[in-house]
Amino acid sequence: MYSKMHYGAMLLLAVLLCLTVQGHSDACQPSDIQISQVNIRKSNSLDTTFEVDIVNRCSCTISNLHVNTNGFNSGTLVDPSLFRKDGSSYLVNDGKPLDSNGSIRFTYTYDRAFDITPGFWNTDHC
């Protein structure tokens, strides 16, 4: 027969386990959205083509991902389903879900690289 202390310990263990699992699914942080750019070629005498990779390193699926960049411009068309102006920020992947470790890649052409930083998003599935 189990004592009240044993049941209490089991209950405490169950609560701690739930808190640990729940803590793992906390909302994604800006540091979970990895944005990198590389210079892939000189397009002409003035402009360079940059390749941008945006990776969701969060354990959750995210959607409606917006990033911030100041004065973004491109000498070549950027696929608007991948990256487009939306108010004061830029919408990534048409707002569609981006799974954990999923990525989006696009290129743009300009005389310099633009600083692109995580803005806001929805956390969907953890």
N, C-alpha and C. Protein backbone atom coordinates (compact mmCIF):
# COMPACT_ATOMS: atom_id res chain seq x y z
N MET A 1 0.84 -1.17 0.00
CA MET A 1 0.00 0.00 0.00
C MET A 1 0.89 1.25 0.00
N TYR A 2 0.53 2.19 -0.84
CA TYR A 2 1.32 3.40 -0.95
C TYR A 2 0.87 4.42 0.07
N SER A 3 1.81 5.15 0.58
CA SER A 3 1.51 6.17 1.58
C SER A 3 1.10 7.47 0.89
N LYS A 4 0.54 8.39 1.67
CA LYS A 4 0.17 9.70 1.15
C LYS A 4 1.41 10.43 0.64
N MET A 5 2.53 10.20 1.29
CA MET A 5 3.78 10.85 0.86
C MET A 5 4.18 10.36 -0.53
N HIS A 6 4.00 9.07 -0.78
CA HIS A 6 4.33 8.50 -2.09
C HIS A 6 3.44 9.11 -3.17
N TYR A 7 2.13 9.20 -2.90
CA TYR A 7 1.21 9.81 -3.87
C TYR A 7 1.56 11.28 -4.09
N GLY A 8 1.93 11.97 -3.03
CA GLY A 8 2.33 13.38 -3.14
C GLY A 8 3.56 13.53 -4.02
N ALA A 9 4.53 12.64 -3.84
CA ALA A 9 5.75 12.69 -4.64
C ALA A 9 5.44 12.41 -6.11
N MET A 10 4.56 11.46 -6.37
CA MET A 10 4.17 11.14 -7.75
C MET A 10 3.44 12.33 -8.39
N LEU A 11 2.57 12.98 -7.62
CA LEU A 11 1.85 14.13 -8.13
C LEU A 11 2.82 15.27 -8.45
N LEU A 12 3.77 15.51 -7.56
CA LEU A 12 4.77 16.55 -7.78
C LEU A 12 5.59 16.24 -9.04
N LEU A 13 5.98 15.00 -9.21
CA LEU A 13 6.74 14.60 -10.39
C LEU A 13 5.92 14.82 -11.67
N ALA A 14 4.64 14.49 -11.64
CA ALA A 14 3.78 14.69 -12.81
C ALA A 14 3.65 16.17 -13.15
N VAL A 15 3.49 17.01 -12.13
CA VAL A 15 3.38 18.45 -12.36
C VAL A 15 4.68 19.00 -12.95
N LEU A 16 5.82 18.58 -12.40
CA LEU A 16 7.10 19.05 -12.91
C LEU A 16 7.32 18.60 -14.36
N LEU A 17 6.91 17.39 -14.68
CA LEU A 17 7.03 16.89 -16.05
C LEU A 17 6.18 17.74 -16.99
N CYS A 18 4.96 18.05 -16.59
CA CYS A 18 4.09 18.89 -17.42
C CYS A 18 4.70 20.27 -17.63
N LEU A 19 5.25 20.84 -16.58
CA LEU A 19 5.86 22.16 -16.70
C LEU A 19 7.08 22.13 -17.62
N THR A 20 7.85 21.06 -17.55
CA THR A 20 9.02 20.93 -18.40
C THR A 20 8.61 20.83 -19.86
N VAL A 21 7.62 20.01 -20.17
CA VAL A 21 7.15 19.86 -21.54
C VAL A 21 6.55 21.16 -22.03
N GLN A 22 5.75 21.82 -21.19
CA GLN A 22 5.15 23.08 -21.57
C GLN A 22 6.23 24.13 -21.80
N GLY A 23 7.24 24.16 -20.97
CA GLY A 23 8.33 25.13 -21.12
C GLY A 23 9.06 24.95 -22.43
N HIS A 24 9.13 23.72 -22.92
CA HIS A 24 9.81 23.45 -24.19
C HIS A 24 9.06 24.07 -25.37
N SER A 25 7.76 24.27 -25.21
CA SER A 25 6.97 24.78 -26.32
C SER A 25 6.67 26.27 -26.19
N ASP A 26 7.48 26.98 -25.42
CA ASP A 26 7.30 28.42 -25.32
C ASP A 26 7.39 29.05 -26.70
N ALA A 27 6.82 30.22 -26.83
CA ALA A 27 6.84 30.92 -28.11
C ALA A 27 8.28 31.11 -28.60
N CYS A 28 8.42 31.17 -29.89
CA CYS A 28 9.73 31.34 -30.50
C CYS A 28 10.29 32.73 -30.20
N GLN A 29 11.59 32.80 -30.09
CA GLN A 29 12.30 34.04 -29.81
C GLN A 29 12.93 34.57 -31.10
N PRO A 30 13.24 35.87 -31.15
CA PRO A 30 13.91 36.41 -32.35
C PRO A 30 15.20 35.66 -32.70
N SER A 31 15.90 35.18 -31.69
CA SER A 31 17.15 34.44 -31.96
C SER A 31 16.88 33.09 -32.64
N ASP A 32 15.62 32.63 -32.63
CA ASP A 32 15.25 31.38 -33.30
C ASP A 32 15.06 31.57 -34.81
N ILE A 33 14.97 32.81 -35.25
CA ILE A 33 14.82 33.10 -36.68
C ILE A 33 16.20 33.51 -37.19
N GLN A 34 16.83 32.60 -37.92
CA GLN A 34 18.20 32.82 -38.40
C GLN A 34 18.14 33.40 -39.81
N ILE A 35 18.75 34.56 -39.98
CA ILE A 35 18.77 35.22 -41.29
C ILE A 35 20.23 35.42 -41.70
N SER A 36 20.59 34.86 -42.85
CA SER A 36 21.97 35.01 -43.33
C SER A 36 21.94 35.44 -44.80
N GLN A 37 22.98 36.14 -45.19
CA GLN A 37 23.11 36.60 -46.58
C GLN A 37 24.53 36.33 -47.06
N VAL A 38 24.63 35.95 -48.32
CA VAL A 38 25.94 35.81 -48.94
C VAL A 38 25.93 36.49 -50.30
N ASN A 39 27.07 37.03 -50.64
CA ASN A 39 27.29 37.64 -51.94
C ASN A 39 27.57 36.49 -52.90
N ILE A 40 26.69 36.27 -53.89
CA ILE A 40 26.90 35.12 -54.77
C ILE A 40 27.50 35.48 -56.13
N ARG A 41 27.35 36.76 -56.54
CA ARG A 41 28.00 37.16 -57.79
C ARG A 41 27.83 38.66 -58.02
N LYS A 42 28.70 39.17 -58.82
CA LYS A 42 28.61 40.56 -59.28
C LYS A 42 27.69 40.55 -60.49
N SER A 43 26.57 41.27 -60.41
CA SER A 43 25.59 41.25 -61.50
C SER A 43 25.99 42.14 -62.66
N ASN A 44 26.55 43.28 -62.35
CA ASN A 44 27.06 44.19 -63.37
C ASN A 44 28.16 45.01 -62.70
N SER A 45 28.57 46.09 -63.32
CA SER A 45 29.68 46.85 -62.75
C SER A 45 29.33 47.52 -61.42
N LEU A 46 28.05 47.69 -61.12
CA LEU A 46 27.65 48.37 -59.89
C LEU A 46 26.99 47.46 -58.85
N ASP A 47 26.20 46.51 -59.31
CA ASP A 47 25.38 45.74 -58.39
C ASP A 47 25.91 44.33 -58.14
N THR A 48 25.54 43.82 -56.99
CA THR A 48 25.91 42.48 -56.56
C THR A 48 24.62 41.71 -56.27
N THR A 49 24.62 40.41 -56.54
CA THR A 49 23.48 39.57 -56.20
C THR A 49 23.74 38.93 -54.85
N PHE A 50 22.77 39.07 -53.97
CA PHE A 50 22.85 38.50 -52.62
C PHE A 50 21.81 37.40 -52.48
N GLU A 51 22.20 36.32 -51.84
CA GLU A 51 21.28 35.23 -51.54
C GLU A 51 20.96 35.28 -50.05
N VAL A 52 19.67 35.31 -49.74
CA VAL A 52 19.20 35.40 -48.36
C VAL A 52 18.58 34.07 -47.97
N ASP A 53 18.99 33.54 -46.83
CA ASP A 53 18.38 32.34 -46.25
C ASP A 53 17.75 32.73 -44.93
N ILE A 54 16.48 32.38 -44.77
CA ILE A 54 15.77 32.59 -43.51
C ILE A 54 15.37 31.22 -43.00
N VAL A 55 15.86 30.85 -41.81
CA VAL A 55 15.64 29.52 -41.25
C VAL A 55 14.92 29.64 -39.92
N ASN A 56 13.89 28.82 -39.74
CA ASN A 56 13.17 28.75 -38.48
C ASN A 56 13.86 27.73 -37.58
N ARG A 57 14.63 28.17 -36.61
CA ARG A 57 15.33 27.28 -35.69
C ARG A 57 14.51 26.98 -34.43
N CYS A 58 13.29 27.51 -34.38
CA CYS A 58 12.40 27.25 -33.24
C CYS A 58 11.86 25.82 -33.35
N SER A 59 11.49 25.23 -32.24
CA SER A 59 10.93 23.89 -32.26
C SER A 59 9.46 23.91 -32.70
N CYS A 60 8.92 25.10 -32.91
CA CYS A 60 7.52 25.26 -33.31
C CYS A 60 7.42 25.65 -34.78
N THR A 61 6.28 25.37 -35.39
CA THR A 61 5.97 25.89 -36.71
C THR A 61 5.52 27.33 -36.54
N ILE A 62 5.98 28.20 -37.42
CA ILE A 62 5.57 29.61 -37.38
C ILE A 62 4.89 29.98 -38.69
N SER A 63 4.11 31.04 -38.67
CA SER A 63 3.50 31.56 -39.89
C SER A 63 3.42 33.08 -39.79
N ASN A 64 3.00 33.70 -40.88
CA ASN A 64 2.87 35.16 -40.91
C ASN A 64 4.17 35.83 -40.48
N LEU A 65 5.30 35.29 -40.94
CA LEU A 65 6.61 35.81 -40.56
C LEU A 65 6.88 37.14 -41.27
N HIS A 66 7.16 38.16 -40.47
CA HIS A 66 7.55 39.48 -40.98
C HIS A 66 8.96 39.78 -40.52
N VAL A 67 9.73 40.40 -41.40
CA VAL A 67 11.08 40.83 -41.05
C VAL A 67 11.18 42.33 -41.27
N ASN A 68 12.19 42.91 -40.64
CA ASN A 68 12.44 44.34 -40.76
C ASN A 68 13.69 44.59 -41.59
N THR A 69 13.62 45.58 -42.43
CA THR A 69 14.78 46.05 -43.17
C THR A 69 14.52 47.49 -43.58
N ASN A 70 15.54 48.28 -43.55
CA ASN A 70 15.39 49.71 -43.81
C ASN A 70 15.80 50.05 -45.24
N GLY A 71 14.85 50.54 -46.03
CA GLY A 71 15.16 51.00 -47.38
C GLY A 71 15.42 49.91 -48.39
N PHE A 72 14.90 48.71 -48.16
CA PHE A 72 15.18 47.59 -49.06
C PHE A 72 14.81 47.95 -50.50
N ASN A 73 15.67 47.53 -51.42
CA ASN A 73 15.46 47.74 -52.84
C ASN A 73 16.21 46.63 -53.58
N SER A 74 15.77 46.35 -54.78
CA SER A 74 16.45 45.34 -55.59
C SER A 74 16.41 45.75 -57.05
N GLY A 75 17.52 45.55 -57.72
CA GLY A 75 17.60 45.82 -59.15
C GLY A 75 16.97 44.72 -59.98
N THR A 76 16.67 43.59 -59.36
CA THR A 76 15.99 42.48 -60.02
C THR A 76 14.74 42.14 -59.22
N LEU A 77 13.78 41.53 -59.89
CA LEU A 77 12.53 41.18 -59.24
C LEU A 77 12.75 40.10 -58.18
N VAL A 78 12.25 40.35 -56.97
CA VAL A 78 12.24 39.33 -55.92
C VAL A 78 10.86 38.69 -55.96
N ASP A 79 10.80 37.37 -55.98
CA ASP A 79 9.52 36.66 -56.02
C ASP A 79 8.65 37.14 -54.85
N PRO A 80 7.53 37.81 -55.13
CA PRO A 80 6.71 38.36 -54.05
C PRO A 80 6.06 37.30 -53.17
N SER A 81 6.01 36.06 -53.62
CA SER A 81 5.48 35.01 -52.74
C SER A 81 6.50 34.62 -51.67
N LEU A 82 7.76 35.00 -51.88
CA LEU A 82 8.81 34.71 -50.91
C LEU A 82 9.12 35.89 -50.00
N PHE A 83 9.03 37.12 -50.57
CA PHE A 83 9.45 38.30 -49.82
C PHE A 83 8.81 39.53 -50.44
N ARG A 84 7.97 40.22 -49.68
CA ARG A 84 7.34 41.42 -50.21
C ARG A 84 7.01 42.41 -49.10
N LYS A 85 6.95 43.67 -49.47
CA LYS A 85 6.60 44.75 -48.55
C LYS A 85 5.17 44.54 -48.07
N ASP A 86 4.96 44.71 -46.75
CA ASP A 86 3.64 44.56 -46.15
C ASP A 86 3.54 45.58 -45.01
N GLY A 87 3.06 46.76 -45.32
CA GLY A 87 3.04 47.83 -44.32
C GLY A 87 4.45 48.34 -44.09
N SER A 88 4.86 48.36 -42.83
CA SER A 88 6.21 48.86 -42.50
C SER A 88 7.23 47.73 -42.40
N SER A 89 6.82 46.50 -42.69
CA SER A 89 7.74 45.35 -42.63
C SER A 89 7.63 44.57 -43.94
N TYR A 90 8.29 43.42 -43.97
CA TYR A 90 8.27 42.56 -45.16
C TYR A 90 7.76 41.18 -44.78
N LEU A 91 6.79 40.68 -45.57
CA LEU A 91 6.19 39.37 -45.35
C LEU A 91 7.03 38.30 -46.04
N VAL A 92 7.29 37.22 -45.34
CA VAL A 92 8.10 36.12 -45.85
C VAL A 92 7.19 34.93 -46.17
N ASN A 93 7.43 34.27 -47.30
CA ASN A 93 6.75 33.02 -47.66
C ASN A 93 5.23 33.18 -47.76
N ASP A 94 4.78 34.35 -48.20
CA ASP A 94 3.34 34.60 -48.34
C ASP A 94 2.58 34.43 -47.02
N GLY A 95 3.30 34.43 -45.90
CA GLY A 95 2.66 34.23 -44.60
C GLY A 95 2.37 32.77 -44.29
N LYS A 96 2.73 31.88 -45.20
CA LYS A 96 2.45 30.44 -45.01
C LYS A 96 3.33 29.86 -43.91
N PRO A 97 2.91 28.72 -43.35
CA PRO A 97 3.69 28.10 -42.27
C PRO A 97 5.11 27.74 -42.69
N LEU A 98 6.01 27.90 -41.74
CA LEU A 98 7.41 27.51 -41.90
C LEU A 98 7.72 26.56 -40.74
N ASP A 99 7.87 25.28 -41.06
CA ASP A 99 8.11 24.27 -40.04
C ASP A 99 9.43 24.50 -39.31
N SER A 100 9.57 23.83 -38.19
CA SER A 100 10.83 23.85 -37.45
C SER A 100 11.95 23.40 -38.38
N ASN A 101 13.02 24.16 -38.45
CA ASN A 101 14.17 23.93 -39.32
C ASN A 101 13.85 24.12 -40.81
N GLY A 102 12.66 24.63 -41.11
CA GLY A 102 12.32 24.95 -42.49
C GLY A 102 13.02 26.24 -42.90
N SER A 103 13.19 26.41 -44.21
CA SER A 103 13.90 27.61 -44.68
C SER A 103 13.26 28.16 -45.94
N ILE A 104 13.53 29.42 -46.15
CA ILE A 104 13.12 30.14 -47.36
C ILE A 104 14.38 30.81 -47.91
N ARG A 105 14.53 30.79 -49.22
CA ARG A 105 15.70 31.39 -49.86
C ARG A 105 15.23 32.27 -51.01
N PHE A 106 15.80 33.45 -51.09
CA PHE A 106 15.54 34.34 -52.23
C PHE A 106 16.80 35.14 -52.52
N THR A 107 16.82 35.74 -53.70
CA THR A 107 17.96 36.58 -54.08
C THR A 107 17.48 37.98 -54.41
N TYR A 108 18.37 38.93 -54.23
CA TYR A 108 18.12 40.30 -54.66
C TYR A 108 19.43 40.90 -55.16
N THR A 109 19.32 41.97 -55.91
CA THR A 109 20.48 42.61 -56.50
C THR A 109 20.51 44.08 -56.09
N TYR A 110 21.64 44.50 -55.56
CA TYR A 110 21.80 45.90 -55.17
C TYR A 110 23.29 46.17 -54.99
N ASP A 111 23.65 47.43 -54.77
CA ASP A 111 25.07 47.75 -54.62
C ASP A 111 25.61 47.45 -53.23
N ARG A 112 24.73 47.07 -52.31
CA ARG A 112 25.14 46.70 -50.95
C ARG A 112 24.10 45.75 -50.36
N ALA A 113 24.51 45.05 -49.32
CA ALA A 113 23.57 44.17 -48.61
C ALA A 113 22.73 45.00 -47.64
N PHE A 114 21.48 44.60 -47.48
CA PHE A 114 20.59 45.24 -46.52
C PHE A 114 20.56 44.42 -45.24
N ASP A 115 20.50 45.11 -44.11
CA ASP A 115 20.35 44.45 -42.82
C ASP A 115 18.91 43.98 -42.70
N ILE A 116 18.70 42.68 -42.54
CA ILE A 116 17.36 42.09 -42.42
C ILE A 116 17.29 41.40 -41.06
N THR A 117 16.31 41.78 -40.25
CA THR A 117 16.19 41.24 -38.89
C THR A 117 14.78 40.70 -38.65
N PRO A 118 14.64 39.72 -37.74
CA PRO A 118 13.31 39.20 -37.42
C PRO A 118 12.39 40.29 -36.89
N GLY A 119 11.14 40.25 -37.30
CA GLY A 119 10.15 41.21 -36.83
C GLY A 119 9.14 40.55 -35.91
N PHE A 120 8.08 40.02 -36.51
CA PHE A 120 7.04 39.34 -35.72
C PHE A 120 6.48 38.18 -36.53
N TRP A 121 5.77 37.28 -35.85
CA TRP A 121 5.23 36.07 -36.47
C TRP A 121 4.20 35.47 -35.53
N ASN A 122 3.48 34.47 -36.04
CA ASN A 122 2.57 33.67 -35.23
C ASN A 122 3.23 32.33 -34.95
N THR A 123 3.10 31.86 -33.73
CA THR A 123 3.58 30.52 -33.39
C THR A 123 2.39 29.59 -33.51
N ASP A 124 2.49 28.58 -34.38
CA ASP A 124 1.35 27.73 -34.68
C ASP A 124 1.36 26.41 -33.93
N HIS A 125 2.30 25.56 -34.22
CA HIS A 125 2.31 24.21 -33.65
C HIS A 125 3.64 23.94 -32.96
N CYS A 126 3.55 23.49 -31.73
CA CYS A 126 4.77 23.14 -30.99
C CYS A 126 4.75 21.68 -30.63
